C-alpha atoms as a PDB file:
ATOM      1  CA  MET A   1     -22.559-209.126 -96.777  1.00  0.00           C
ATOM      2  CA  PHE A   2     -20.795-207.352 -99.624  1.00  0.00           C
ATOM      3  CA  TYR A   3     -22.255-206.995-103.097  1.00  0.00           C
ATOM      4  CA  ASP A   4     -21.487-204.737-106.032  1.00  0.00           C
ATOM      5  CA  THR A   5     -23.917-203.049-108.432  1.00  0.00           C
ATOM      6  CA  LEU A   6     -23.677-201.036-111.630  1.00  0.00           C
ATOM      7  CA  TYR A   7     -25.120-197.885-110.075  1.00  0.00           C
ATOM      8  CA  ARG A   8     -22.019-195.805-109.463  1.00  0.00           C
ATOM      9  CA  HIS A   9     -20.296-197.022-112.623  1.00  0.00           C
ATOM     10  CA  ASN A  10     -23.260-196.000-114.773  1.00  0.00           C
ATOM     11  CA  GLN A  11     -23.523-192.612-113.083  1.00  0.00           C
ATOM     12  CA  ALA A  12     -19.813-191.922-113.482  1.00  0.00           C
ATOM     13  CA  LEU A  13     -19.623-192.947-117.133  1.00  0.00           C
ATOM     14  CA  SER A  14     -22.877-191.246-118.169  1.00  0.00           C
ATOM     15  CA  PRO A  15     -23.550-188.337-115.777  1.00  0.00           C
ATOM     16  CA  ALA A  16     -26.599-187.205-117.759  1.00  0.00           C
ATOM     17  CA  GLY A  17     -28.995-185.281-115.532  1.00  0.00           C
ATOM     18  CA  LEU A  18     -26.239-184.372-113.067  1.00  0.00           C
ATOM     19  CA  ASP A  19     -25.744-180.865-114.440  1.00  0.00           C
ATOM     20  CA  HIS A  20     -26.804-179.101-111.252  1.00  0.00           C
ATOM     21  CA  LEU A  21     -25.003-179.131-107.908  1.00  0.00           C
ATOM     22  CA  PRO A  22     -27.710-180.834-105.781  1.00  0.00           C
ATOM     23  CA  ALA A  23     -28.065-183.682-108.297  1.00  0.00           C
ATOM     24  CA  ALA A  24     -24.307-184.142-108.664  1.00  0.00           C
ATOM     25  CA  LEU A  25     -23.809-184.144-104.897  1.00  0.00           C
ATOM     26  CA  HIS A  26     -26.652-186.621-104.354  1.00  0.00           C
ATOM     27  CA  ALA A  27     -25.175-188.943-106.993  1.00  0.00           C
ATOM     28  CA  LEU A  28     -21.763-188.796-105.298  1.00  0.00           C
ATOM     29  CA  ASN A  29     -23.185-189.583-101.868  1.00  0.00           C
ATOM     30  CA  ALA A  30     -25.211-192.473-103.272  1.00  0.00           C
ATOM     31  CA  ALA A  31     -22.135-193.751-105.082  1.00  0.00           C
ATOM     32  CA  VAL A  32     -20.150-193.737-101.830  1.00  0.00           C
ATOM     33  CA  ASP A  33     -22.873-195.859-100.219  1.00  0.00           C
ATOM     34  CA  ASP A  34     -22.801-198.173-103.250  1.00  0.00           C
ATOM     35  CA  CYS A  35     -19.037-198.521-103.014  1.00  0.00           C
ATOM     36  CA  GLN A  36     -19.156-199.297 -99.313  1.00  0.00           C
ATOM     37  CA  ARG A  37     -21.784-201.979 -99.872  1.00  0.00           C
ATOM     38  CA  ALA A  38     -19.369-203.551-102.331  1.00  0.00           C
ATOM     39  CA  GLY A  39     -16.677-203.594 -99.636  1.00  0.00           C
ATOM     40  CA  LYS A  40     -14.272-201.566-101.760  1.00  0.00           C
ATOM     41  CA  PRO A  41     -12.106-198.640-100.620  1.00  0.00           C
ATOM     42  CA  VAL A  42     -13.827-195.379-101.486  1.00  0.00           C
ATOM     43  CA  ALA A  43     -10.576-193.418-101.953  1.00  0.00           C
ATOM     44  CA  GLY A  44      -9.404-195.559-104.849  1.00  0.00           C
ATOM     45  CA  ASP A  45     -12.667-196.339-106.635  1.00  0.00           C
ATOM     46  CA  ALA A  46     -12.588-195.069-110.236  1.00  0.00           C
ATOM     47  CA  ALA A  47     -16.322-194.280-110.320  1.00  0.00           C
ATOM     48  CA  ILE A  48     -16.100-192.263-107.119  1.00  0.00           C
ATOM     49  CA  LEU A  49     -13.112-190.288-108.422  1.00  0.00           C
ATOM     50  CA  LEU A  50     -14.915-189.528-111.691  1.00  0.00           C
ATOM     51  CA  LEU A  51     -17.994-188.348-109.860  1.00  0.00           C
ATOM     52  CA  ILE A  52     -15.868-186.126-107.606  1.00  0.00           C
ATOM     53  CA  ARG A  53     -14.314-184.505-110.680  1.00  0.00           C
ATOM     54  CA  HIS A  54     -17.763-184.059-112.221  1.00  0.00           C
ATOM     55  CA  LEU A  55     -19.019-182.453-109.011  1.00  0.00           C
ATOM     56  CA  ALA A  56     -16.040-180.078-108.983  1.00  0.00           C
ATOM     57  CA  ASP A  57     -16.711-179.109-112.601  1.00  0.00           C
ATOM     58  CA  VAL A  58     -20.376-178.381-111.862  1.00  0.00           C
ATOM     59  CA  ALA A  59     -19.505-176.376-108.737  1.00  0.00           C
ATOM     60  CA  GLU A  60     -16.906-174.286-110.568  1.00  0.00           C
ATOM     61  CA  ARG A  61     -19.277-173.572-113.412  1.00  0.00           C
ATOM     62  CA  ASP A  62     -22.168-172.496-111.182  1.00  0.00           C
ATOM     63  CA  ALA A  63     -20.313-170.699-108.386  1.00  0.00           C
ATOM     64  CA  SER A  64     -18.498-167.398-108.047  1.00  0.00           C
ATOM     65  CA  GLY A  65     -14.738-167.131-107.894  1.00  0.00           C
ATOM     66  CA  VAL A  66     -12.776-168.457-104.930  1.00  0.00           C
ATOM     67  CA  ASN A  67     -12.232-165.020-103.385  1.00  0.00           C
ATOM     68  CA  ALA A  68     -15.939-164.186-103.571  1.00  0.00           C
ATOM     69  CA  LEU A  69     -16.792-167.550-102.009  1.00  0.00           C
ATOM     70  CA  ARG A  70     -14.311-166.983 -99.169  1.00  0.00           C
ATOM     71  CA  LEU A  71     -15.908-163.605 -98.432  1.00  0.00           C
ATOM     72  CA  ARG A  72     -19.368-165.139 -98.368  1.00  0.00           C
ATOM     73  CA  CYS A  73     -18.182-167.976 -96.153  1.00  0.00           C
ATOM     74  CA  GLU A  74     -16.586-165.531 -93.721  1.00  0.00           C
ATOM     75  CA  ALA A  75     -19.816-163.511 -93.590  1.00  0.00           C
ATOM     76  CA  ASP A  76     -21.798-166.687 -92.907  1.00  0.00           C
ATOM     77  CA  ARG A  77     -19.345-167.678 -90.140  1.00  0.00           C
ATOM     78  CA  LEU A  78     -19.744-164.275 -88.462  1.00  0.00           C
ATOM     79  CA  ALA A  79     -23.542-164.601 -88.651  1.00  0.00           C
ATOM     80  CA  VAL A  80     -23.412-168.028 -86.973  1.00  0.00           C
ATOM     81  CA  ASP A  81     -21.053-166.736 -84.295  1.00  0.00           C
ATOM     82  CA  ALA A  82     -23.395-163.817 -83.608  1.00  0.00           C
ATOM     83  CA  ALA A  83     -26.377-166.135 -83.057  1.00  0.00           C
ATOM     84  CA  PRO A  84     -24.890-169.330 -81.599  1.00  0.00           C
ATOM     85  CA  ALA A  85     -26.890-172.520 -81.904  1.00  0.00           C
ATOM     86  CA  LEU A  86     -26.948-173.109 -78.138  1.00  0.00           C
ATOM     87  CA  LEU A  87     -29.624-170.376 -77.897  1.00  0.00           C
ATOM     88  CA  ASP A  88     -31.864-172.394 -80.206  1.00  0.00           C
ATOM     89  CA  ILE A  89     -31.038-175.722 -78.524  1.00  0.00           C
ATOM     90  CA  ALA A  90     -31.532-174.433 -74.965  1.00  0.00           C
ATOM     91  CA  GLY A  91     -34.763-175.542 -73.340  1.00  0.00           C
ATOM     92  CA  THR A  92     -34.987-178.803 -75.236  1.00  0.00           C
ATOM     93  CA  ASN A  93     -34.024-182.349 -74.379  1.00  0.00           C
ATOM     94  CA  VAL A  94     -30.915-183.310 -76.354  1.00  0.00           C
ATOM     95  CA  GLY A  95     -30.633-186.835 -74.953  1.00  0.00           C
ATOM     96  CA  GLY A  96     -30.664-189.136 -77.956  1.00  0.00           C
ATOM     97  CA  ASN A  97     -29.622-186.343 -80.330  1.00  0.00           C
ATOM     98  CA  TYR A  98     -25.842-186.607 -80.392  1.00  0.00           C
ATOM     99  CA  HIS A  99     -25.268-183.756 -82.837  1.00  0.00           C
ATOM    100  CA  ALA A 100     -27.374-181.278 -80.848  1.00  0.00           C
ATOM    101  CA  LYS A 101     -25.750-182.318 -77.587  1.00  0.00           C
ATOM    102  CA  ARG A 102     -22.221-182.069 -78.987  1.00  0.00           C
ATOM    103  CA  THR A 103     -22.967-178.649 -80.526  1.00  0.00           C
ATOM    104  CA  PHE A 104     -24.513-177.293 -77.349  1.00  0.00           C
ATOM    105  CA  HIS A 105     -21.660-178.291 -75.088  1.00  0.00           C
ATOM    106  CA  TYR A 106     -18.979-177.212 -77.541  1.00  0.00           C
ATOM    107  CA  GLN A 107     -20.531-173.765 -77.723  1.00  0.00           C
ATOM    108  CA  ALA A 108     -21.106-173.695 -73.958  1.00  0.00           C
ATOM    109  CA  ARG A 109     -17.383-174.265 -73.378  1.00  0.00           C
ATOM    110  CA  ARG A 110     -16.532-171.444 -75.772  1.00  0.00           C
ATOM    111  CA  ALA A 111     -19.012-169.110 -74.055  1.00  0.00           C
ATOM    112  CA  LEU A 112     -17.617-169.948 -70.619  1.00  0.00           C
ATOM    113  CA  THR A 113     -14.064-169.361 -71.820  1.00  0.00           C
ATOM    114  CA  ARG A 114     -14.990-165.929 -73.148  1.00  0.00           C
ATOM    115  CA  LEU A 115     -16.970-165.103 -70.044  1.00  0.00           C
ATOM    116  CA  ALA A 116     -14.139-166.080 -67.726  1.00  0.00           C
ATOM    117  CA  THR A 117     -11.759-163.762 -69.582  1.00  0.00           C
ATOM    118  CA  ALA A 118     -14.295-160.920 -69.639  1.00  0.00           C
ATOM    119  CA  ILE A 119     -14.927-160.987 -65.868  1.00  0.00           C
ATOM    120  CA  GLY A 120     -11.242-161.207 -65.049  1.00  0.00           C
ATOM    121  CA  LEU A 121     -10.720-164.841 -64.088  1.00  0.00           C
ATOM    122  CA  ASP A 122      -7.206-166.145 -64.541  1.00  0.00           C
ATOM    123  CA  GLY A 123      -7.311-168.824 -67.220  1.00  0.00           C
ATOM    124  CA  ASP A 124      -4.850-170.959 -65.253  1.00  0.00           C
ATOM    125  CA  ASP A 125      -7.205-170.970 -62.254  1.00  0.00           C
ATOM    126  CA  ALA A 126     -10.455-171.665 -64.103  1.00  0.00           C
ATOM    127  CA  ARG A 127     -11.173-175.196 -65.314  1.00  0.00           C
ATOM    128  CA  ILE A 128     -13.903-175.937 -67.854  1.00  0.00           C
ATOM    129  CA  ASN A 129     -15.081-179.526 -68.243  1.00  0.00           C
ATOM    130  CA  THR A 130     -17.941-181.286 -69.991  1.00  0.00           C
ATOM    131  CA  VAL A 131     -19.615-184.492 -68.900  1.00  0.00           C
ATOM    132  CA  MET A 132     -21.657-185.731 -71.843  1.00  0.00           C
ATOM    133  CA  GLY A 133     -23.395-188.496 -69.922  1.00  0.00           C
ATOM    134  CA  GLY A 134     -25.205-191.403 -71.519  1.00  0.00           C
ATOM    135  CA  ASP A 135     -27.053-191.409 -74.819  1.00  0.00           C
ATOM    136  CA  ASN A 136     -30.315-190.353 -73.193  1.00  0.00           C
ATOM    137  CA  GLU A 137     -28.797-187.698 -70.924  1.00  0.00           C
ATOM    138  CA  ASP A 138     -28.396-183.995 -71.655  1.00  0.00           C
ATOM    139  CA  GLY A 139     -24.880-183.656 -70.183  1.00  0.00           C
ATOM    140  CA  THR A 140     -23.324-180.771 -68.227  1.00  0.00           C
ATOM    141  CA  THR A 141     -20.599-178.215 -68.906  1.00  0.00           C
ATOM    142  CA  GLU A 142     -19.030-176.575 -65.889  1.00  0.00           C
ATOM    143  CA  LEU A 143     -16.554-173.800 -65.118  1.00  0.00           C
ATOM    144  CA  ARG A 144     -14.880-174.302 -61.750  1.00  0.00           C
ATOM    145  CA  HIS A 145     -12.848-171.565 -60.025  1.00  0.00           C
ATOM    146  CA  ALA A 146     -11.760-171.065 -56.410  1.00  0.00           C
ATOM    147  CA  ASP A 147     -14.417-168.366 -56.029  1.00  0.00           C
ATOM    148  CA  LEU A 148     -17.084-169.410 -58.497  1.00  0.00           C
ATOM    149  CA  ALA A 149     -18.783-172.375 -60.113  1.00  0.00           C
ATOM    150  CA  ILE A 150     -20.950-172.095 -63.240  1.00  0.00           C
ATOM    151  CA  ARG A 151     -22.882-175.060 -64.627  1.00  0.00           C
ATOM    152  CA  VAL A 152     -24.599-175.043 -67.991  1.00  0.00           C
ATOM    153  CA  VAL A 153     -27.176-177.601 -69.134  1.00  0.00           C
ATOM    154  CA  PRO A 154     -29.342-177.679 -72.268  1.00  0.00           C
ATOM    155  CA  ARG A 155     -32.549-177.821 -70.258  1.00  0.00           C
ATOM    156  CA  GLY A 156     -33.147-176.694 -66.687  1.00  0.00           C
ATOM    157  CA  PHE A 157     -35.816-177.924 -64.291  1.00  0.00           C
ATOM    158  CA  LEU A 158     -37.607-174.607 -64.824  1.00  0.00           C
ATOM    159  CA  PRO A 159     -37.758-172.362 -67.931  1.00  0.00           C
ATOM    160  CA  ASP A 160     -34.844-169.944 -68.300  1.00  0.00           C
ATOM    161  CA  SER A 161     -32.710-171.814 -65.774  1.00  0.00           C
ATOM    162  CA  GLU A 162     -30.072-173.458 -67.958  1.00  0.00           C
ATOM    163  CA  VAL A 163     -27.218-171.756 -66.040  1.00  0.00           C
ATOM    164  CA  SER A 164     -26.561-172.209 -62.333  1.00  0.00           C
ATOM    165  CA  ILE A 165     -24.081-170.002 -60.450  1.00  0.00           C
ATOM    166  CA  SER A 166     -22.591-170.765 -57.045  1.00  0.00           C
ATOM    167  CA  ARG A 167     -20.182-168.841 -54.893  1.00  0.00           C
ATOM    168  CA  CYS A 168     -17.218-170.940 -53.787  1.00  0.00           C
ATOM    169  CA  ARG A 169     -14.657-170.810 -51.018  1.00  0.00           C
ATOM    170  CA  ASP A 170     -11.380-172.433 -52.039  1.00  0.00           C
ATOM    171  CA  GLY A 171     -13.212-174.265 -54.796  1.00  0.00           C
ATOM    172  CA  GLN A 172     -16.009-175.611 -52.593  1.00  0.00           C
ATOM    173  CA  GLU A 173     -19.537-174.371 -53.194  1.00  0.00           C
ATOM    174  CA  ILE A 174     -21.134-172.367 -50.413  1.00  0.00           C
ATOM    175  CA  GLY A 175     -24.742-171.342 -50.172  1.00  0.00           C
ATOM    176  CA  LYS A 176     -27.431-172.124 -52.692  1.00  0.00           C
ATOM    177  CA  ALA A 177     -27.086-172.129 -56.454  1.00  0.00           C
ATOM    178  CA  HIS A 178     -28.660-169.226 -58.334  1.00  0.00           C
ATOM    179  CA  ARG A 179     -30.341-169.863 -61.701  1.00  0.00           C
ATOM    180  CA  ALA A 180     -30.073-167.765 -64.837  1.00  0.00           C
ATOM    181  CA  PRO A 181     -31.175-168.043 -68.470  1.00  0.00           C
ATOM    182  CA  ILE A 182     -28.701-169.133 -71.137  1.00  0.00           C
ATOM    183  CA  THR A 183     -28.749-165.652 -72.651  1.00  0.00           C
ATOM    184  CA  GLU A 184     -26.781-164.300 -69.682  1.00  0.00           C
ATOM    185  CA  LEU A 185     -23.931-166.588 -70.535  1.00  0.00           C
ATOM    186  CA  LEU A 186     -23.407-164.438 -73.639  1.00  0.00           C
ATOM    187  CA  ASP A 187     -24.099-161.077 -71.961  1.00  0.00           C
ATOM    188  CA  VAL A 188     -21.171-160.098 -69.736  1.00  0.00           C
ATOM    189  CA  ALA A 189     -22.892-157.050 -68.234  1.00  0.00           C
ATOM    190  CA  ALA A 190     -25.977-159.058 -67.281  1.00  0.00           C
ATOM    191  CA  PHE A 191     -23.824-161.796 -65.827  1.00  0.00           C
ATOM    192  CA  GLN A 192     -21.827-159.334 -63.734  1.00  0.00           C
ATOM    193  CA  ARG A 193     -25.085-157.902 -62.366  1.00  0.00           C
ATOM    194  CA  ARG A 194     -26.193-161.444 -61.520  1.00  0.00           C
ATOM    195  CA  ILE A 195     -22.924-162.135 -59.647  1.00  0.00           C
ATOM    196  CA  ALA A 196     -23.135-158.844 -57.781  1.00  0.00           C
ATOM    197  CA  GLY A 197     -26.543-159.865 -56.461  1.00  0.00           C
ATOM    198  CA  ILE A 198     -25.286-163.142 -55.032  1.00  0.00           C
ATOM    199  CA  PRO A 199     -24.194-162.877 -51.367  1.00  0.00           C
ATOM    200  CA  GLY A 200     -20.601-163.918 -50.707  1.00  0.00           C
ATOM    201  CA  ASP A 201     -17.436-163.254 -48.774  1.00  0.00           C
ATOM    202  CA  GLY A 202     -13.697-163.376 -49.151  1.00  0.00           C
ATOM    203  CA  GLY A 203     -13.039-164.870 -52.540  1.00  0.00           C
ATOM    204  CA  ALA A 204     -16.403-163.738 -53.797  1.00  0.00           C
ATOM    205  CA  LEU A 205     -15.467-160.131 -53.097  1.00  0.00           C
ATOM    206  CA  ARG A 206     -12.213-160.564 -55.000  1.00  0.00           C
ATOM    207  CA  LEU A 207     -14.164-161.916 -57.950  1.00  0.00           C
ATOM    208  CA  ALA A 208     -16.627-159.025 -57.859  1.00  0.00           C
ATOM    209  CA  ALA A 209     -13.781-156.543 -57.789  1.00  0.00           C
ATOM    210  CA  ALA A 210     -12.111-158.251 -60.759  1.00  0.00           C
ATOM    211  CA  ALA A 211     -15.373-158.100 -62.666  1.00  0.00           C
END
């Protein structure tokens, strides 16, 4: 059911009270909802376009120059990269929380890619896949190599057991899986010590030597 209202038109033509960024942004988001309820294309709606321009004016008036903003944004990005969200998410059930699950597994894939390079695995021989599972499942991200398999889940059966490591022979797991906390996924030295303590033969020795 589509219906139009005067809300976004009034806000766009008389943006009184929208002199600060949070208020201007809230008004724009509410106007987008209003436009969608009317069944009209957001990209061409005059009220939406006016409110976007008003938001830009407010942002430019209140913010620093573009170069200063880029430097701040870069610093924020480095801070996020230094303390990835998967450390905060680990240990919790992310089934039913799509954003947390997507973030965790995206960062788990990045961590496994970096780890594989750091311990000397050939990128062409190491496959990293994610199975998200159903809405109420946590999902799994796995690195599979001829000599090693590493699985990462948001929540293990026991505390500090989000990572499981198995020796492989020609890609097939041998022996039992060994558990590790998620922090070791980001600590190459700790991970290498963990691998060194896992019994293995043949391919496992090649991996240990590469590490």
